[in-house]
Amino acid sequence: MLITHDTRCSLDAVVDLVNTVPEDDAAVDGLPDVAALQDFVRNHDISDVGMLSEFDLSAVRKIRGRFAGIFAAPDARTAAGMINELVAAAGTTPRLTDHDGYDWHVHYFAPGASVADHLAADCGMALAFFVVAGEQERLRRCEAPDCRRAFVDLSRNRSRRYCDSRTCGNRLHVAAYRARRKEAAG
């Protein structure tokens, strides 16, 4: 599957956005305030975003929940329906652009769109490409029992099971090794 630079940037943004959702009631929200949203926008080089407000923060949190639902979708039809709703509500307006040193690429958000609509359009389309390619199962959640972080499995054989931000796979492999050694030592 060919993933262009702008699609990869949108995938990174949507994964990071979904992973700001608190994992439980005791966890801290990864987007606690407008300053955190500004950092998110800056860290992901999201273009055409003006001054952010509490309204923007609330809107981004709402679409974040909708994106989380796409990662949890049981099948491509469900994911497609969720993506269609998200992208349609954003008022998608595809247009070619070359800015900030990047060659021609497609922006899906309308000029002057809010940051929430920008994310919904561009990130929604990035996820749509996976559904169209029959690769919806690559939109995953970490299989570690104590972690449910989202990620996009870009491995050749679709075998990635753990997120890479918490070294979940390594931690579980070490725990399994120690359990085997303990059992063998009897």
Protein backbone atom coordinates (compact mmCIF):
# COMPACT_ATOMS: atom_id res chain seq x y z
CA MET A 1 0.00 0.00 0.00
CA LEU A 2 1.46 3.34 -1.05
CA ILE A 3 1.27 5.92 1.73
CA THR A 4 2.11 9.46 0.69
CA HIS A 5 3.85 11.92 3.00
CA ASP A 6 0.69 13.88 3.77
CA THR A 7 -1.30 10.70 4.43
CA ARG A 8 1.43 9.51 6.80
CA CYS A 9 1.35 12.86 8.63
CA SER A 10 -2.43 12.56 8.97
CA LEU A 11 -2.13 8.99 10.24
CA ASP A 12 0.42 10.07 12.84
CA ALA A 13 -1.84 12.92 13.89
CA VAL A 14 -4.96 10.77 14.22
CA VAL A 15 -3.12 8.08 16.21
CA ASP A 16 -1.64 10.68 18.54
CA LEU A 17 -5.04 12.36 18.87
CA VAL A 18 -6.82 9.11 19.74
CA ASN A 19 -4.10 8.33 22.25
CA THR A 20 -4.86 11.54 24.16
CA VAL A 21 -8.14 10.01 25.34
CA PRO A 22 -7.85 9.07 29.03
CA GLU A 23 -7.61 5.28 29.32
CA ASP A 24 -9.85 5.26 32.40
CA ASP A 25 -11.59 7.62 34.82
CA ALA A 26 -8.40 8.07 36.87
CA ALA A 27 -6.19 8.97 33.90
CA VAL A 28 -5.43 12.52 32.83
CA ASP A 29 -6.79 13.82 29.53
CA GLY A 30 -3.98 14.25 27.00
CA LEU A 31 -5.65 17.44 25.74
CA PRO A 32 -6.42 19.16 29.05
CA ASP A 33 -6.48 22.73 27.75
CA VAL A 34 -6.07 25.03 24.77
CA ALA A 35 -2.29 25.20 25.31
CA ALA A 36 -2.08 21.41 24.89
CA LEU A 37 -4.13 21.66 21.71
CA GLN A 38 -1.77 24.37 20.44
CA ASP A 39 1.18 22.06 21.18
CA PHE A 40 -0.57 19.23 19.33
CA VAL A 41 -1.15 21.47 16.29
CA ARG A 42 2.46 22.67 16.34
CA ASN A 43 3.96 19.20 16.87
CA HIS A 44 2.01 17.84 13.91
CA ASP A 45 2.65 20.81 11.61
CA ILE A 46 -1.07 21.27 11.05
CA SER A 47 -1.33 24.14 8.59
CA ASP A 48 -3.94 26.88 8.20
CA VAL A 49 -4.90 26.98 11.88
CA GLY A 50 -5.55 30.35 13.45
CA MET A 51 -6.03 31.24 17.10
CA LEU A 52 -7.42 28.33 19.10
CA SER A 53 -10.13 28.60 21.73
CA GLU A 54 -12.08 26.52 24.24
CA PHE A 55 -14.62 25.96 21.47
CA ASP A 56 -11.87 24.40 19.31
CA LEU A 57 -10.72 22.23 22.20
CA SER A 58 -14.26 20.94 22.77
CA ALA A 59 -14.76 20.25 19.05
CA VAL A 60 -11.44 18.39 18.77
CA ARG A 61 -12.29 16.27 21.81
CA LYS A 62 -15.59 15.31 20.14
CA ILE A 63 -13.97 14.20 16.89
CA ARG A 64 -11.24 12.45 18.90
CA GLY A 65 -13.94 10.22 20.36
CA ARG A 66 -15.31 9.53 16.90
CA PHE A 67 -11.83 8.60 15.64
CA ALA A 68 -11.43 6.27 18.63
CA GLY A 69 -14.61 4.55 17.50
CA ILE A 70 -13.13 3.96 14.05
CA PHE A 71 -10.14 2.19 15.61
CA ALA A 72 -12.60 0.01 17.54
CA ALA A 73 -14.86 -0.69 14.55
CA PRO A 74 -15.50 -4.43 14.17
CA ASP A 75 -15.46 -4.40 10.37
CA ALA A 76 -14.81 -2.28 7.29
CA ARG A 77 -18.50 -1.47 6.72
CA THR A 78 -18.84 0.00 10.21
CA ALA A 79 -15.55 1.90 9.88
CA ALA A 80 -16.61 3.23 6.46
CA GLY A 81 -19.90 4.52 7.83
CA MET A 82 -18.16 6.26 10.70
CA ILE A 83 -15.55 7.79 8.39
CA ASN A 84 -18.23 8.94 5.93
CA GLU A 85 -20.14 10.74 8.70
CA LEU A 86 -17.00 12.38 10.07
CA VAL A 87 -15.70 13.56 6.70
CA ALA A 88 -19.13 14.76 5.49
CA ALA A 89 -19.69 16.80 8.66
CA ALA A 90 -16.31 18.48 8.10
CA GLY A 91 -17.42 19.90 4.75
CA THR A 92 -14.63 18.24 2.81
CA THR A 93 -13.23 20.31 -0.05
CA PRO A 94 -10.33 18.51 -1.74
CA ARG A 95 -7.73 20.83 -3.24
CA LEU A 96 -4.17 20.55 -4.44
CA THR A 97 -1.57 22.60 -2.60
CA ASP A 98 2.19 22.97 -2.28
CA HIS A 99 3.29 24.85 0.79
CA ASP A 100 6.04 25.00 3.39
CA GLY A 101 8.53 23.23 1.14
CA TYR A 102 6.27 20.23 0.42
CA ASP A 103 5.52 19.18 -3.13
CA TRP A 104 1.97 18.92 -4.42
CA HIS A 105 -0.42 17.14 -2.13
CA VAL A 106 -4.14 17.13 -1.35
CA HIS A 107 -5.77 18.96 1.52
CA TYR A 108 -9.29 17.76 2.18
CA PHE A 109 -10.38 20.55 4.53
CA ALA A 110 -12.05 23.72 3.30
CA PRO A 111 -10.06 26.96 3.41
CA GLY A 112 -10.63 28.62 6.78
CA ALA A 113 -11.90 25.39 8.37
CA SER A 114 -11.72 24.96 12.12
CA VAL A 115 -8.97 22.74 13.50
CA ALA A 116 -11.58 20.07 14.27
CA ASP A 117 -12.89 20.10 10.69
CA HIS A 118 -9.33 20.14 9.39
CA LEU A 119 -8.48 17.02 11.43
CA ALA A 120 -11.78 15.32 10.61
CA ALA A 121 -11.28 15.85 6.86
CA ASP A 122 -7.57 15.09 6.46
CA CYS A 123 -7.32 12.34 9.07
CA GLY A 124 -10.67 10.87 8.04
CA MET A 125 -9.48 10.60 4.46
CA ALA A 126 -6.21 9.00 5.57
CA LEU A 127 -8.22 6.32 7.38
CA ALA A 128 -10.56 6.02 4.40
CA PHE A 129 -7.63 4.99 2.20
CA PHE A 130 -7.09 1.97 4.47
CA VAL A 131 -10.73 0.91 4.20
CA VAL A 132 -10.67 1.36 0.40
CA ALA A 133 -7.49 -0.74 0.17
CA GLY A 134 -9.11 -3.52 2.24
CA GLU A 135 -6.66 -2.83 5.06
CA GLN A 136 -9.01 -1.66 7.84
CA GLU A 137 -7.61 -4.34 10.14
CA ARG A 138 -4.35 -2.36 10.23
CA LEU A 139 -6.11 0.24 12.41
CA ARG A 140 -5.45 -1.42 15.74
CA ARG A 141 -5.28 -1.17 19.48
CA CYS A 142 -2.33 -2.45 21.51
CA GLU A 143 -2.89 -6.02 22.69
CA ALA A 144 -1.06 -5.56 26.00
CA PRO A 145 -3.60 -6.17 28.77
CA ASP A 146 -2.86 -2.85 30.46
CA CYS A 147 -2.65 -0.73 27.30
CA ARG A 148 -5.23 0.11 24.66
CA ARG A 149 -3.28 2.73 22.68
CA ALA A 150 -4.14 3.06 19.00
CA PHE A 151 -1.65 2.49 16.20
CA VAL A 152 -1.58 1.79 12.48
CA ASP A 153 0.12 -1.50 11.66
CA LEU A 154 2.39 -0.73 8.72
CA SER A 155 4.33 -3.99 8.96
CA ARG A 156 4.60 -5.99 5.75
CA ASN A 157 2.73 -9.00 7.09
CA ARG A 158 0.21 -7.17 9.31
CA SER A 159 1.71 -8.80 12.40
CA ARG A 160 2.28 -5.89 14.75
CA ARG A 161 0.42 -6.43 18.01
CA TYR A 162 1.74 -3.74 20.33
CA CYS A 163 2.06 0.03 20.29
CA ASP A 164 5.61 1.31 20.18
CA SER A 165 5.26 4.14 22.68
CA ARG A 166 5.28 2.07 25.86
CA THR A 167 7.49 -0.85 24.86
CA CYS A 168 4.50 -3.08 25.57
CA GLY A 169 5.72 -5.96 23.43
CA ASN A 170 9.13 -6.03 25.06
CA ARG A 171 7.64 -5.83 28.54
CA LEU A 172 5.26 -8.74 27.87
CA HIS A 173 7.96 -10.86 26.24
CA VAL A 174 10.25 -10.36 29.26
CA ALA A 175 7.41 -11.25 31.63
CA ALA A 176 6.65 -14.43 29.65
CA TYR A 177 10.35 -15.37 29.62
CA ARG A 178 10.62 -14.90 33.39
CA ALA A 179 7.48 -16.96 33.94
CA ARG A 180 8.90 -19.80 31.81
CA ARG A 181 12.21 -19.70 33.68
CA LYS A 182 10.45 -19.71 37.03
CA GLU A 183 8.29 -22.68 35.96
CA ALA A 184 11.33 -24.57 34.64
CA ALA A 185 13.22 -23.95 37.90
CA GLY A 186 10.21 -25.42 39.68
